[in-house]
Amino acid sequence: MTTTAPRTSRVAIAGLLILTAGTGLVDAVSYLGLGHVFVANMTGNIVFLGFAVNPRSGLSAALALIALGAFLAGALAGGAAGHRFAGSRAWPSSVFGVQALLLGAVAVAGAAFGIAALGRPVVVAALAFAFGLQNSTARRLAVPDLTTTVLTLTVTGLAADSRIAGGPGAKPVRRFASIAAMLAGAAIGALLVQVSVPLTVGAVAICVLLGAGLLHRDPIARQRL
């Protein structure tokens, strides 16, 4: 007997694409505005730890370690919520809602007191924790090509599954959309961060809130679990 994987609705896909755009925004903030560190892309931080061995690299091993540790803590919290509450209507939108509140708090505090007063390590830790929550929750949703934070496998799939490679040649629309969302978010973030880091973090919070709202409306996403 074969089983058919639950389909993913357009509402859920739209929500996850908005979250993906938010990832591009936040990594533009962290890399361009907080000292060449990533808060959503942990592969980059691990590579940066190696690069930091070169004293002329201009990279901070301390910031990379802070981001990694906070991201792990966020992923732990998100994973615990997923294991306990995945069958409820409140999940995953409630987890993304908490993420949005945390991002909003960082944006408001940064606007009120300044990023320098808060301290870059504190801001990096808060943002990385927030995206650990997002990544673990998106991982549990397990929608193909919509992890919201990592595109390496998505890009690989475009080539490896193509007819040129002898693959099935499935429609790559979702993969292209995921790449385009991340690219657009990064480009917008690169422009916004020139105006204000707190403003850009606020834009990330709005993306996450919109994504949470769309996923809350979609019962099909919960049937995947």
N, C-alpha and C. Protein backbone atom coordinates (compact mmCIF):
# COMPACT_ATOMS: atom_id res chain seq x y z
N MET A 1 0.85 -1.20 0.00
CA MET A 1 0.00 0.00 0.00
C MET A 1 0.88 1.24 0.00
N THR A 2 0.62 2.13 -0.91
CA THR A 2 1.41 3.35 -0.98
C THR A 2 0.62 4.51 -0.39
N THR A 3 1.36 5.47 0.14
CA THR A 3 0.73 6.65 0.71
C THR A 3 1.16 7.87 -0.08
N THR A 4 0.27 8.81 -0.17
CA THR A 4 0.55 10.05 -0.89
C THR A 4 0.94 11.13 0.09
N ALA A 5 2.04 11.78 -0.16
CA ALA A 5 2.47 12.85 0.74
C ALA A 5 1.46 13.98 0.72
N PRO A 6 1.18 14.56 1.88
CA PRO A 6 0.22 15.66 1.93
C PRO A 6 0.68 16.80 1.04
N ARG A 7 -0.25 17.36 0.31
CA ARG A 7 0.09 18.48 -0.54
C ARG A 7 0.28 19.74 0.30
N THR A 8 0.95 20.68 -0.27
CA THR A 8 1.16 21.96 0.41
C THR A 8 0.36 23.03 -0.31
N SER A 9 -0.45 23.75 0.41
CA SER A 9 -1.32 24.75 -0.22
C SER A 9 -0.54 25.98 -0.64
N ARG A 10 -1.14 26.77 -1.50
CA ARG A 10 -0.51 28.01 -1.94
C ARG A 10 -0.35 28.99 -0.79
N VAL A 11 -1.26 28.93 0.17
CA VAL A 11 -1.18 29.81 1.34
C VAL A 11 0.08 29.50 2.14
N ALA A 12 0.33 28.20 2.39
CA ALA A 12 1.51 27.80 3.14
C ALA A 12 2.78 28.14 2.38
N ILE A 13 2.77 27.91 1.07
CA ILE A 13 3.95 28.23 0.26
C ILE A 13 4.24 29.72 0.31
N ALA A 14 3.19 30.54 0.20
CA ALA A 14 3.38 31.99 0.27
C ALA A 14 3.97 32.40 1.62
N GLY A 15 3.46 31.79 2.70
CA GLY A 15 3.99 32.09 4.02
C GLY A 15 5.46 31.75 4.15
N LEU A 16 5.85 30.59 3.64
CA LEU A 16 7.24 30.16 3.73
C LEU A 16 8.15 31.00 2.84
N LEU A 17 7.64 31.45 1.70
CA LEU A 17 8.44 32.32 0.84
C LEU A 17 8.67 33.68 1.50
N ILE A 18 7.67 34.18 2.20
CA ILE A 18 7.85 35.44 2.93
C ILE A 18 8.89 35.28 4.03
N LEU A 19 8.86 34.14 4.72
CA LEU A 19 9.88 33.86 5.74
C LEU A 19 11.27 33.78 5.11
N THR A 20 11.34 33.23 3.91
CA THR A 20 12.62 33.14 3.20
C THR A 20 13.14 34.53 2.86
N ALA A 21 12.25 35.41 2.42
CA ALA A 21 12.66 36.79 2.15
C ALA A 21 13.16 37.46 3.41
N GLY A 22 12.51 37.18 4.54
CA GLY A 22 12.96 37.73 5.81
C GLY A 22 14.36 37.27 6.18
N THR A 23 14.70 36.05 5.80
CA THR A 23 16.05 35.55 6.05
C THR A 23 17.09 36.35 5.26
N GLY A 24 16.78 36.64 4.01
CA GLY A 24 17.68 37.49 3.22
C GLY A 24 17.85 38.86 3.85
N LEU A 25 16.75 39.42 4.34
CA LEU A 25 16.81 40.72 5.01
C LEU A 25 17.70 40.69 6.24
N VAL A 26 17.51 39.67 7.09
CA VAL A 26 18.23 39.66 8.36
C VAL A 26 19.71 39.37 8.18
N ASP A 27 20.06 38.55 7.20
CA ASP A 27 21.49 38.32 6.99
C ASP A 27 22.16 39.52 6.35
N ALA A 28 21.41 40.33 5.61
CA ALA A 28 21.96 41.61 5.14
C ALA A 28 22.25 42.52 6.32
N VAL A 29 21.33 42.54 7.29
CA VAL A 29 21.52 43.35 8.50
C VAL A 29 22.77 42.89 9.25
N SER A 30 22.86 41.57 9.50
CA SER A 30 23.94 41.08 10.34
C SER A 30 25.30 41.20 9.66
N TYR A 31 25.36 40.89 8.37
CA TYR A 31 26.65 40.93 7.69
C TYR A 31 27.11 42.36 7.42
N LEU A 32 26.18 43.20 6.95
CA LEU A 32 26.55 44.56 6.57
C LEU A 32 26.49 45.55 7.72
N GLY A 33 25.66 45.26 8.72
CA GLY A 33 25.45 46.24 9.78
C GLY A 33 25.94 45.86 11.16
N LEU A 34 26.30 44.58 11.35
CA LEU A 34 26.67 44.13 12.69
C LEU A 34 28.05 43.48 12.77
N GLY A 35 28.84 43.59 11.71
CA GLY A 35 30.21 43.12 11.82
C GLY A 35 30.53 41.83 11.12
N HIS A 36 30.03 41.64 9.90
CA HIS A 36 30.40 40.48 9.09
C HIS A 36 30.17 39.16 9.82
N VAL A 37 28.93 38.96 10.22
CA VAL A 37 28.51 37.71 10.85
C VAL A 37 27.12 37.40 10.33
N PHE A 38 26.76 36.13 10.29
CA PHE A 38 25.42 35.74 9.87
C PHE A 38 24.62 35.31 11.10
N VAL A 39 23.32 35.60 11.06
CA VAL A 39 22.46 35.15 12.16
C VAL A 39 21.47 34.08 11.72
N ALA A 40 21.38 33.83 10.42
CA ALA A 40 20.50 32.77 9.92
C ALA A 40 21.26 31.69 9.16
N ASN A 41 22.38 32.04 8.58
CA ASN A 41 23.18 31.11 7.78
C ASN A 41 24.36 30.62 8.60
N MET A 42 24.21 29.48 9.25
CA MET A 42 25.25 28.99 10.14
C MET A 42 26.43 28.38 9.38
N THR A 43 26.22 27.94 8.14
CA THR A 43 27.35 27.48 7.34
C THR A 43 28.38 28.59 7.18
N GLY A 44 27.89 29.79 6.91
CA GLY A 44 28.78 30.93 6.77
C GLY A 44 29.57 31.20 8.02
N ASN A 45 28.93 31.09 9.19
CA ASN A 45 29.64 31.35 10.44
C ASN A 45 30.72 30.32 10.73
N ILE A 46 30.46 29.07 10.40
CA ILE A 46 31.47 28.04 10.61
C ILE A 46 32.68 28.30 9.71
N VAL A 47 32.42 28.71 8.48
CA VAL A 47 33.52 29.07 7.58
C VAL A 47 34.26 30.29 8.11
N PHE A 48 33.51 31.27 8.63
CA PHE A 48 34.14 32.47 9.18
C PHE A 48 35.06 32.14 10.35
N LEU A 49 34.68 31.15 11.16
CA LEU A 49 35.55 30.74 12.26
C LEU A 49 36.92 30.30 11.73
N GLY A 50 36.90 29.57 10.61
CA GLY A 50 38.17 29.19 9.99
C GLY A 50 38.91 30.38 9.43
N PHE A 51 38.20 31.27 8.75
CA PHE A 51 38.83 32.45 8.16
C PHE A 51 39.44 33.36 9.22
N ALA A 52 38.82 33.40 10.41
CA ALA A 52 39.27 34.30 11.47
C ALA A 52 40.67 33.95 11.98
N VAL A 53 41.18 32.77 11.62
CA VAL A 53 42.55 32.41 11.97
C VAL A 53 43.54 33.41 11.36
N ASN A 54 43.15 33.95 10.20
CA ASN A 54 43.97 34.99 9.56
C ASN A 54 43.67 36.32 10.24
N PRO A 55 44.62 36.91 10.93
CA PRO A 55 44.36 38.16 11.65
C PRO A 55 43.98 39.33 10.75
N ARG A 56 44.24 39.22 9.46
CA ARG A 56 43.90 40.29 8.53
C ARG A 56 42.52 40.08 7.90
N SER A 57 41.80 39.05 8.30
CA SER A 57 40.51 38.75 7.69
C SER A 57 39.44 39.77 8.03
N GLY A 58 39.60 40.45 9.16
CA GLY A 58 38.58 41.40 9.60
C GLY A 58 37.34 40.73 10.17
N LEU A 59 37.39 39.42 10.39
CA LEU A 59 36.26 38.66 10.92
C LEU A 59 36.44 38.40 12.40
N SER A 60 35.33 38.35 13.11
CA SER A 60 35.35 38.12 14.55
C SER A 60 34.92 36.70 14.86
N ALA A 61 35.85 35.90 15.37
CA ALA A 61 35.51 34.55 15.80
C ALA A 61 34.51 34.59 16.95
N ALA A 62 34.64 35.60 17.82
CA ALA A 62 33.75 35.71 18.98
C ALA A 62 32.30 35.91 18.54
N LEU A 63 32.08 36.81 17.57
CA LEU A 63 30.72 37.05 17.08
C LEU A 63 30.15 35.81 16.40
N ALA A 64 30.99 35.11 15.63
CA ALA A 64 30.52 33.89 14.97
C ALA A 64 30.12 32.84 15.99
N LEU A 65 30.89 32.72 17.07
CA LEU A 65 30.57 31.75 18.12
C LEU A 65 29.29 32.14 18.86
N ILE A 66 29.13 33.44 19.10
CA ILE A 66 27.90 33.91 19.76
C ILE A 66 26.68 33.58 18.90
N ALA A 67 26.80 33.85 17.60
CA ALA A 67 25.68 33.56 16.69
C ALA A 67 25.38 32.06 16.67
N LEU A 68 26.40 31.24 16.60
CA LEU A 68 26.21 29.79 16.58
C LEU A 68 25.54 29.30 17.86
N GLY A 69 26.03 29.78 19.01
CA GLY A 69 25.46 29.34 20.29
C GLY A 69 24.01 29.76 20.45
N ALA A 70 23.70 31.02 20.09
CA ALA A 70 22.33 31.52 20.21
C ALA A 70 21.40 30.81 19.23
N PHE A 71 21.90 30.54 18.03
CA PHE A 71 21.09 29.83 17.04
C PHE A 71 20.75 28.43 17.55
N LEU A 72 21.73 27.74 18.12
CA LEU A 72 21.49 26.42 18.69
C LEU A 72 20.45 26.47 19.79
N ALA A 73 20.53 27.50 20.63
CA ALA A 73 19.54 27.65 21.71
C ALA A 73 18.14 27.86 21.13
N GLY A 74 18.04 28.69 20.09
CA GLY A 74 16.76 28.92 19.46
C GLY A 74 16.22 27.67 18.79
N ALA A 75 17.12 26.91 18.13
CA ALA A 75 16.70 25.67 17.50
C ALA A 75 16.23 24.65 18.54
N LEU A 76 16.89 24.64 19.70
CA LEU A 76 16.49 23.75 20.79
C LEU A 76 15.08 24.11 21.28
N ALA A 77 14.85 25.41 21.47
CA ALA A 77 13.52 25.86 21.93
C ALA A 77 12.46 25.57 20.88
N GLY A 78 12.77 25.83 19.61
CA GLY A 78 11.81 25.56 18.55
C GLY A 78 11.54 24.08 18.39
N GLY A 79 12.59 23.27 18.54
CA GLY A 79 12.41 21.83 18.45
C GLY A 79 11.55 21.29 19.58
N ALA A 80 11.78 21.81 20.79
CA ALA A 80 10.98 21.38 21.94
C ALA A 80 9.51 21.73 21.73
N ALA A 81 9.25 22.93 21.21
CA ALA A 81 7.87 23.34 20.94
C ALA A 81 7.24 22.45 19.88
N GLY A 82 8.03 22.10 18.86
CA GLY A 82 7.52 21.25 17.80
C GLY A 82 7.15 19.86 18.30
N HIS A 83 8.00 19.28 19.13
CA HIS A 83 7.74 17.94 19.66
C HIS A 83 6.50 17.91 20.56
N ARG A 84 6.27 19.00 21.27
CA ARG A 84 5.17 19.03 22.23
C ARG A 84 3.85 19.49 21.62
N PHE A 85 3.91 20.43 20.68
CA PHE A 85 2.68 21.09 20.25
C PHE A 85 2.40 21.00 18.76
N ALA A 86 3.13 20.15 18.02
CA ALA A 86 2.98 20.12 16.56
C ALA A 86 1.57 19.77 16.12
N GLY A 87 0.82 19.04 16.93
CA GLY A 87 -0.52 18.65 16.53
C GLY A 87 -1.58 19.70 16.81
N SER A 88 -1.21 20.80 17.45
CA SER A 88 -2.20 21.81 17.82
C SER A 88 -2.34 22.87 16.73
N ARG A 89 -3.47 23.56 16.73
CA ARG A 89 -3.71 24.61 15.75
C ARG A 89 -2.75 25.78 15.96
N ALA A 90 -2.28 25.95 17.19
CA ALA A 90 -1.43 27.10 17.50
C ALA A 90 0.00 26.95 16.95
N TRP A 91 0.35 25.74 16.52
CA TRP A 91 1.70 25.52 15.99
C TRP A 91 1.61 25.35 14.48
N PRO A 92 2.48 25.91 13.64
CA PRO A 92 3.71 26.60 13.97
C PRO A 92 3.59 28.11 14.08
N SER A 93 2.37 28.64 13.82
CA SER A 93 2.23 30.10 13.78
C SER A 93 2.60 30.74 15.11
N SER A 94 2.35 30.04 16.23
CA SER A 94 2.69 30.62 17.52
C SER A 94 4.20 30.76 17.69
N VAL A 95 4.96 29.78 17.17
CA VAL A 95 6.43 29.87 17.26
C VAL A 95 6.93 31.04 16.42
N PHE A 96 6.40 31.17 15.22
CA PHE A 96 6.79 32.30 14.38
C PHE A 96 6.32 33.62 14.99
N GLY A 97 5.19 33.58 15.69
CA GLY A 97 4.73 34.79 16.38
C GLY A 97 5.69 35.23 17.46
N VAL A 98 6.20 34.27 18.24
CA VAL A 98 7.21 34.58 19.26
C VAL A 98 8.46 35.14 18.60
N GLN A 99 8.85 34.55 17.49
CA GLN A 99 10.01 35.04 16.75
C GLN A 99 9.80 36.50 16.32
N ALA A 100 8.62 36.79 15.79
CA ALA A 100 8.32 38.16 15.35
C ALA A 100 8.36 39.14 16.52
N LEU A 101 7.84 38.73 17.68
CA LEU A 101 7.87 39.60 18.86
C LEU A 101 9.30 39.89 19.29
N LEU A 102 10.15 38.86 19.26
CA LEU A 102 11.55 39.06 19.63
C LEU A 102 12.24 40.00 18.66
N LEU A 103 12.01 39.81 17.37
CA LEU A 103 12.60 40.71 16.38
C LEU A 103 12.08 42.14 16.54
N GLY A 104 10.78 42.26 16.81
CA GLY A 104 10.20 43.58 17.03
C GLY A 104 10.80 44.27 18.24
N ALA A 105 11.05 43.49 19.30
CA ALA A 105 11.66 44.06 20.51
C ALA A 105 13.07 44.57 20.21
N VAL A 106 13.81 43.81 19.41
CA VAL A 106 15.16 44.26 19.03
C VAL A 106 15.08 45.54 18.22
N ALA A 107 14.13 45.61 17.29
CA ALA A 107 13.98 46.80 16.45
C ALA A 107 13.63 48.03 17.30
N VAL A 108 12.68 47.86 18.21
CA VAL A 108 12.26 48.99 19.05
C VAL A 108 13.39 49.44 19.98
N ALA A 109 14.05 48.48 20.62
CA ALA A 109 15.15 48.82 21.52
C ALA A 109 16.30 49.46 20.76
N GLY A 110 16.57 48.95 19.56
CA GLY A 110 17.64 49.55 18.76
C GLY A 110 17.32 50.97 18.34
N ALA A 111 16.06 51.21 18.00
CA ALA A 111 15.66 52.57 17.62
C ALA A 111 15.68 53.52 18.81
N ALA A 112 15.31 53.01 19.99
CA ALA A 112 15.24 53.86 21.18
C ALA A 112 16.60 54.17 21.78
N PHE A 113 17.46 53.16 21.82
CA PHE A 113 18.74 53.32 22.54
C PHE A 113 19.96 53.28 21.63
N GLY A 114 19.79 52.77 20.42
CA GLY A 114 20.92 52.65 19.50
C GLY A 114 21.55 51.27 19.59
N ILE A 115 22.00 50.77 18.47
CA ILE A 115 22.61 49.45 18.42
C ILE A 115 23.88 49.42 19.26
N ALA A 116 24.65 50.51 19.22
CA ALA A 116 25.90 50.56 19.99
C ALA A 116 25.63 50.43 21.48
N ALA A 117 24.57 51.07 21.95
CA ALA A 117 24.24 50.99 23.38
C ALA A 117 23.80 49.59 23.77
N LEU A 118 23.06 48.93 22.90
CA LEU A 118 22.64 47.56 23.19
C LEU A 118 23.82 46.60 23.15
N GLY A 119 24.75 46.89 22.26
CA GLY A 119 25.92 46.03 22.09
C GLY A 119 25.71 45.04 20.95
N ARG A 120 26.65 44.99 20.01
CA ARG A 120 26.52 44.09 18.87
C ARG A 120 26.35 42.63 19.29
N PRO A 121 27.12 42.15 20.28
CA PRO A 121 26.95 40.74 20.67
C PRO A 121 25.53 40.42 21.14
N VAL A 122 24.90 41.34 21.85
CA VAL A 122 23.53 41.12 22.34
C VAL A 122 22.56 41.06 21.17
N VAL A 123 22.71 41.99 20.24
CA VAL A 123 21.82 42.03 19.08
C VAL A 123 22.00 40.79 18.22
N VAL A 124 23.25 40.41 17.98
CA VAL A 124 23.54 39.21 17.19
C VAL A 124 22.93 37.98 17.86
N ALA A 125 23.08 37.87 19.17
CA ALA A 125 22.54 36.72 19.90
C ALA A 125 21.02 36.66 19.80
N ALA A 126 20.37 37.81 19.95
CA ALA A 126 18.90 37.84 19.89
C ALA A 126 18.40 37.46 18.51
N LEU A 127 19.04 37.99 17.47
CA LEU A 127 18.62 37.67 16.10
C LEU A 127 18.89 36.21 15.76
N ALA A 128 20.04 35.70 16.17
CA ALA A 128 20.37 34.30 15.89
C ALA A 128 19.41 33.35 16.62
N PHE A 129 19.06 33.67 17.85
CA PHE A 129 18.09 32.86 18.59
C PHE A 129 16.76 32.83 17.84
N ALA A 130 16.34 34.00 17.36
CA ALA A 130 15.07 34.09 16.64
C ALA A 130 15.08 33.22 15.39
N PHE A 131 16.22 33.17 14.70
CA PHE A 131 16.26 32.37 13.47
C PHE A 131 16.56 30.91 13.73
N GLY A 132 17.06 30.58 14.91
CA GLY A 132 17.09 29.18 15.32
C GLY A 132 15.67 28.66 15.50
N LEU A 133 14.80 29.48 16.10
CA LEU A 133 13.38 29.13 16.22
C LEU A 133 12.78 28.86 14.85
N GLN A 134 13.04 29.78 13.92
CA GLN A 134 12.45 29.65 12.57
C GLN A 134 12.96 28.41 11.86
N ASN A 135 14.26 28.19 11.92
CA ASN A 135 14.83 27.09 11.15
C ASN A 135 14.35 25.73 11.65
N SER A 136 14.27 25.57 12.96
CA SER A 136 13.83 24.28 13.50
C SER A 136 12.35 24.04 13.20
N THR A 137 11.56 25.10 13.20
CA THR A 137 10.14 24.96 12.91
C THR A 137 9.91 24.64 11.43
N ALA A 138 10.62 25.36 10.55
CA ALA A 138 10.51 25.07 9.11
C ALA A 138 11.01 23.66 8.80
N ARG A 139 12.03 23.23 9.51
CA ARG A 139 12.55 21.88 9.29
C ARG A 139 11.49 20.84 9.63
N ARG A 140 10.74 21.06 10.70
CA ARG A 140 9.71 20.10 11.08
C ARG A 140 8.54 20.12 10.10
N LEU A 141 8.25 21.29 9.53
CA LEU A 141 7.21 21.35 8.50
C LEU A 141 7.62 20.53 7.27
N ALA A 142 8.92 20.53 6.98
CA ALA A 142 9.49 19.68 5.92
C ALA A 142 8.82 19.85 4.57
N VAL A 143 8.60 21.11 4.18
CA VAL A 143 8.08 21.37 2.83
C VAL A 143 9.27 21.40 1.88
N PRO A 144 9.30 20.54 0.86
CA PRO A 144 10.46 20.46 -0.03
C PRO A 144 10.82 21.81 -0.65
N ASP A 145 12.12 22.13 -0.63
CA ASP A 145 12.68 23.34 -1.24
C ASP A 145 12.24 24.62 -0.56
N LEU A 146 11.66 24.52 0.64
CA LEU A 146 11.26 25.72 1.37
C LEU A 146 11.71 25.62 2.83
N THR A 147 13.02 25.52 3.01
CA THR A 147 13.57 25.47 4.36
C THR A 147 13.61 26.85 5.00
N THR A 148 13.48 27.89 4.21
CA THR A 148 13.44 29.31 4.58
C THR A 148 14.81 29.90 4.92
N THR A 149 15.85 29.10 5.15
CA THR A 149 17.15 29.67 5.51
C THR A 149 18.31 29.14 4.69
N VAL A 150 18.19 28.00 4.04
CA VAL A 150 19.32 27.38 3.33
C VAL A 150 18.90 27.10 1.88
N LEU A 151 19.76 27.48 0.93
CA LEU A 151 19.42 27.30 -0.48
C LEU A 151 20.35 26.36 -1.22
N THR A 152 21.36 25.83 -0.57
CA THR A 152 22.33 24.99 -1.28
C THR A 152 21.67 23.79 -1.94
N LEU A 153 20.83 23.07 -1.18
CA LEU A 153 20.15 21.90 -1.74
C LEU A 153 19.12 22.30 -2.80
N THR A 154 18.52 23.47 -2.62
CA THR A 154 17.56 23.96 -3.61
C THR A 154 18.23 24.21 -4.95
N VAL A 155 19.38 24.89 -4.91
CA VAL A 155 20.13 25.16 -6.13
C VAL A 155 20.63 23.85 -6.75
N THR A 156 21.11 22.94 -5.89
CA THR A 156 21.58 21.64 -6.38
C THR A 156 20.46 20.89 -7.10
N GLY A 157 19.25 20.93 -6.52
CA GLY A 157 18.12 20.23 -7.09
C GLY A 157 17.74 20.74 -8.46
N LEU A 158 17.89 22.05 -8.69
CA LEU A 158 17.58 22.60 -10.00
C LEU A 158 18.39 21.92 -11.09
N ALA A 159 19.67 21.69 -10.80
CA ALA A 159 20.54 21.06 -11.80
C ALA A 159 20.41 19.54 -11.78
N ALA A 160 20.47 18.95 -10.59
CA ALA A 160 20.51 17.49 -10.49
C ALA A 160 19.23 16.82 -10.95
N ASP A 161 18.08 17.47 -10.77
CA ASP A 161 16.80 16.88 -11.15
C ASP A 161 16.34 17.29 -12.54
N SER A 162 17.15 18.07 -13.25
CA SER A 162 16.75 18.56 -14.57
C SER A 162 16.81 17.43 -15.61
N ARG A 163 16.13 17.62 -16.71
CA ARG A 163 16.16 16.63 -17.79
C ARG A 163 17.55 16.53 -18.40
N ILE A 164 18.29 17.62 -18.37
CA ILE A 164 19.65 17.60 -18.90
C ILE A 164 20.50 16.59 -18.13
N ALA A 165 20.25 16.50 -16.80
CA ALA A 165 21.00 15.57 -15.97
C ALA A 165 20.41 14.17 -16.00
N GLY A 166 19.30 14.00 -16.72
CA GLY A 166 18.63 12.71 -16.76
C GLY A 166 17.60 12.53 -15.66
N GLY A 167 17.24 13.63 -15.01
CA GLY A 167 16.26 13.58 -13.93
C GLY A 167 14.84 13.70 -14.44
N PRO A 168 13.88 13.78 -13.52
CA PRO A 168 12.47 13.83 -13.92
C PRO A 168 12.05 15.13 -14.57
N GLY A 169 12.85 16.18 -14.37
CA GLY A 169 12.51 17.45 -14.99
C GLY A 169 11.25 18.06 -14.43
N ALA A 170 11.03 17.84 -13.12
CA ALA A 170 9.84 18.41 -12.47
C ALA A 170 9.86 19.93 -12.55
N LYS A 171 8.67 20.52 -12.53
CA LYS A 171 8.57 21.97 -12.62
C LYS A 171 9.36 22.63 -11.48
N PRO A 172 10.31 23.51 -11.83
CA PRO A 172 11.18 24.08 -10.80
C PRO A 172 10.67 25.39 -10.21
N VAL A 173 9.37 25.66 -10.37
CA VAL A 173 8.84 26.97 -9.98
C VAL A 173 9.11 27.26 -8.51
N ARG A 174 8.84 26.27 -7.65
CA ARG A 174 9.03 26.50 -6.21
C ARG A 174 10.49 26.80 -5.88
N ARG A 175 11.39 26.10 -6.54
CA ARG A 175 12.82 26.32 -6.28
C ARG A 175 13.25 27.71 -6.73
N PHE A 176 12.81 28.10 -7.91
CA PHE A 176 13.14 29.44 -8.38
C PHE A 176 12.53 30.51 -7.46
N ALA A 177 11.31 30.26 -7.01
CA ALA A 177 10.65 31.22 -6.13
C ALA A 177 11.41 31.38 -4.82
N SER A 178 11.89 30.26 -4.27
CA SER A 178 12.65 30.31 -3.03
C SER A 178 13.95 31.10 -3.19
N ILE A 179 14.65 30.84 -4.31
CA ILE A 179 15.89 31.58 -4.58
C ILE A 179 15.61 33.06 -4.77
N ALA A 180 14.54 33.36 -5.53
CA ALA A 180 14.18 34.76 -5.80
C ALA A 180 13.79 35.48 -4.52
N ALA A 181 13.08 34.80 -3.62
CA ALA A 181 12.66 35.43 -2.36
C ALA A 181 13.87 35.79 -1.50
N MET A 182 14.83 34.85 -1.39
CA MET A 182 16.03 35.13 -0.62
C MET A 182 16.83 36.27 -1.23
N LEU A 183 16.97 36.25 -2.55
CA LEU A 183 17.72 37.29 -3.25
C LEU A 183 17.07 38.65 -3.08
N ALA A 184 15.75 38.69 -3.23
CA ALA A 184 15.04 39.97 -3.08
C ALA A 184 15.17 40.50 -1.65
N GLY A 185 15.03 39.61 -0.67
CA GLY A 185 15.17 40.04 0.72
C GLY A 185 16.56 40.58 0.99
N ALA A 186 17.60 39.91 0.48
CA ALA A 186 18.97 40.36 0.69
C ALA A 186 19.21 41.72 0.03
N ALA A 187 18.68 41.89 -1.18
CA ALA A 187 18.87 43.16 -1.89
C ALA A 187 18.17 44.31 -1.17
N ILE A 188 16.93 44.07 -0.74
CA ILE A 188 16.20 45.11 -0.01
C ILE A 188 16.89 45.41 1.32
N GLY A 189 17.35 44.35 1.99
CA GLY A 189 18.05 44.56 3.25
C GLY A 189 19.33 45.35 3.08
N ALA A 190 20.06 45.10 1.99
CA ALA A 190 21.30 45.83 1.73
C ALA A 190 21.04 47.32 1.55
N LEU A 191 19.88 47.65 0.99
CA LEU A 191 19.52 49.06 0.82
C LEU A 191 19.01 49.66 2.13
N LEU A 192 18.14 48.93 2.83
CA LEU A 192 17.56 49.45 4.06
C LEU A 192 18.58 49.66 5.16
N VAL A 193 19.58 48.77 5.23
CA VAL A 193 20.55 48.86 6.32
C VAL A 193 21.36 50.16 6.22
N GLN A 194 21.43 50.75 5.02
CA GLN A 194 22.10 52.04 4.88
C GLN A 194 21.31 53.15 5.56
N VAL A 195 20.01 52.93 5.68
CA VAL A 195 19.15 53.91 6.34
C VAL A 195 19.15 53.70 7.84
N SER A 196 18.88 52.45 8.26
CA SER A 196 18.77 52.16 9.68
C SER A 196 18.78 50.66 9.92
N VAL A 197 19.64 50.21 10.83
CA VAL A 197 19.63 48.80 11.23
C VAL A 197 18.32 48.43 11.93
N PRO A 198 17.86 49.23 12.92
CA PRO A 198 16.59 48.89 13.58
C PRO A 198 15.41 48.84 12.61
N LEU A 199 15.39 49.75 11.63
CA LEU A 199 14.32 49.75 10.63
C LEU A 199 14.31 48.44 9.86
N THR A 200 15.50 47.98 9.49
CA THR A 200 15.59 46.74 8.72
C THR A 200 15.16 45.54 9.56
N VAL A 201 15.55 45.53 10.83
CA VAL A 201 15.11 44.44 11.72
C VAL A 201 13.59 44.48 11.87
N GLY A 202 13.02 45.68 11.92
CA GLY A 202 11.57 45.80 11.97
C GLY A 202 10.91 45.23 10.73
N ALA A 203 11.53 45.43 9.57
CA ALA A 203 11.00 44.86 8.33
C ALA A 203 11.05 43.33 8.38
N VAL A 204 12.10 42.79 8.98
CA VAL A 204 12.20 41.33 9.15
C VAL A 204 11.06 40.83 10.03
N ALA A 205 10.79 41.56 11.12
CA ALA A 205 9.71 41.18 12.03
C ALA A 205 8.37 41.16 11.31
N ILE A 206 8.15 42.11 10.42
CA ILE A 206 6.90 42.16 9.65
C ILE A 206 6.80 40.95 8.73
N CYS A 207 7.92 40.59 8.08
CA CYS A 207 7.92 39.40 7.21
C CYS A 207 7.53 38.15 8.00
N VAL A 208 8.13 38.00 9.18
CA VAL A 208 7.84 36.81 9.99
C VAL A 208 6.39 36.81 10.45
N LEU A 209 5.89 37.98 10.82
CA LEU A 209 4.50 38.07 11.27
C LEU A 209 3.53 37.72 10.14
N LEU A 210 3.83 38.20 8.93
CA LEU A 210 2.99 37.87 7.78
C LEU A 210 3.04 36.37 7.49
N GLY A 211 4.24 35.79 7.54
CA GLY A 211 4.37 34.36 7.33
C GLY A 211 3.61 33.55 8.36
N ALA A 212 3.69 33.99 9.62
CA ALA A 212 2.96 33.30 10.70
C ALA A 212 1.46 33.36 10.46
N GLY A 213 0.97 34.52 10.01
CA GLY A 213 -0.46 34.66 9.77
C GLY A 213 -0.95 33.76 8.66
N LEU A 214 -0.17 33.64 7.59
CA LEU A 214 -0.55 32.78 6.48
C LEU A 214 -0.54 31.31 6.88
N LEU A 215 0.47 30.89 7.63
CA LEU A 215 0.54 29.50 8.07
C LEU A 215 -0.56 29.17 9.06
N HIS A 216 -0.98 30.14 9.85
CA HIS A 216 -2.08 29.91 10.80
C HIS A 216 -3.39 29.65 10.07
N ARG A 217 -3.54 30.25 8.90
CA ARG A 217 -4.77 30.07 8.11
C ARG A 217 -4.80 28.74 7.38
N ASP A 218 -3.67 28.04 7.34
CA ASP A 218 -3.56 26.88 6.45
C ASP A 218 -3.55 25.57 7.22
N PRO A 219 -4.63 24.80 7.19
CA PRO A 219 -4.66 23.53 7.90
C PRO A 219 -3.83 22.45 7.22
N ILE A 220 -3.58 22.59 5.92
CA ILE A 220 -2.84 21.57 5.18
C ILE A 220 -1.41 21.46 5.68
N ALA A 221 -0.80 22.61 6.05
CA ALA A 221 0.58 22.58 6.53
C ALA A 221 0.68 21.69 7.77
N ARG A 222 -0.33 21.72 8.62
CA ARG A 222 -0.27 20.90 9.84
C ARG A 222 -0.47 19.42 9.55
N GLN A 223 -1.12 19.09 8.42
CA GLN A 223 -1.33 17.70 8.07
C GLN A 223 -0.05 16.99 7.62
N ARG A 224 1.00 17.76 7.39
CA ARG A 224 2.25 17.18 6.96
C ARG A 224 2.95 16.46 8.10
N LEU A 225 2.54 16.71 9.34
CA LEU A 225 3.29 16.24 10.50
C LEU A 225 2.86 14.88 10.96
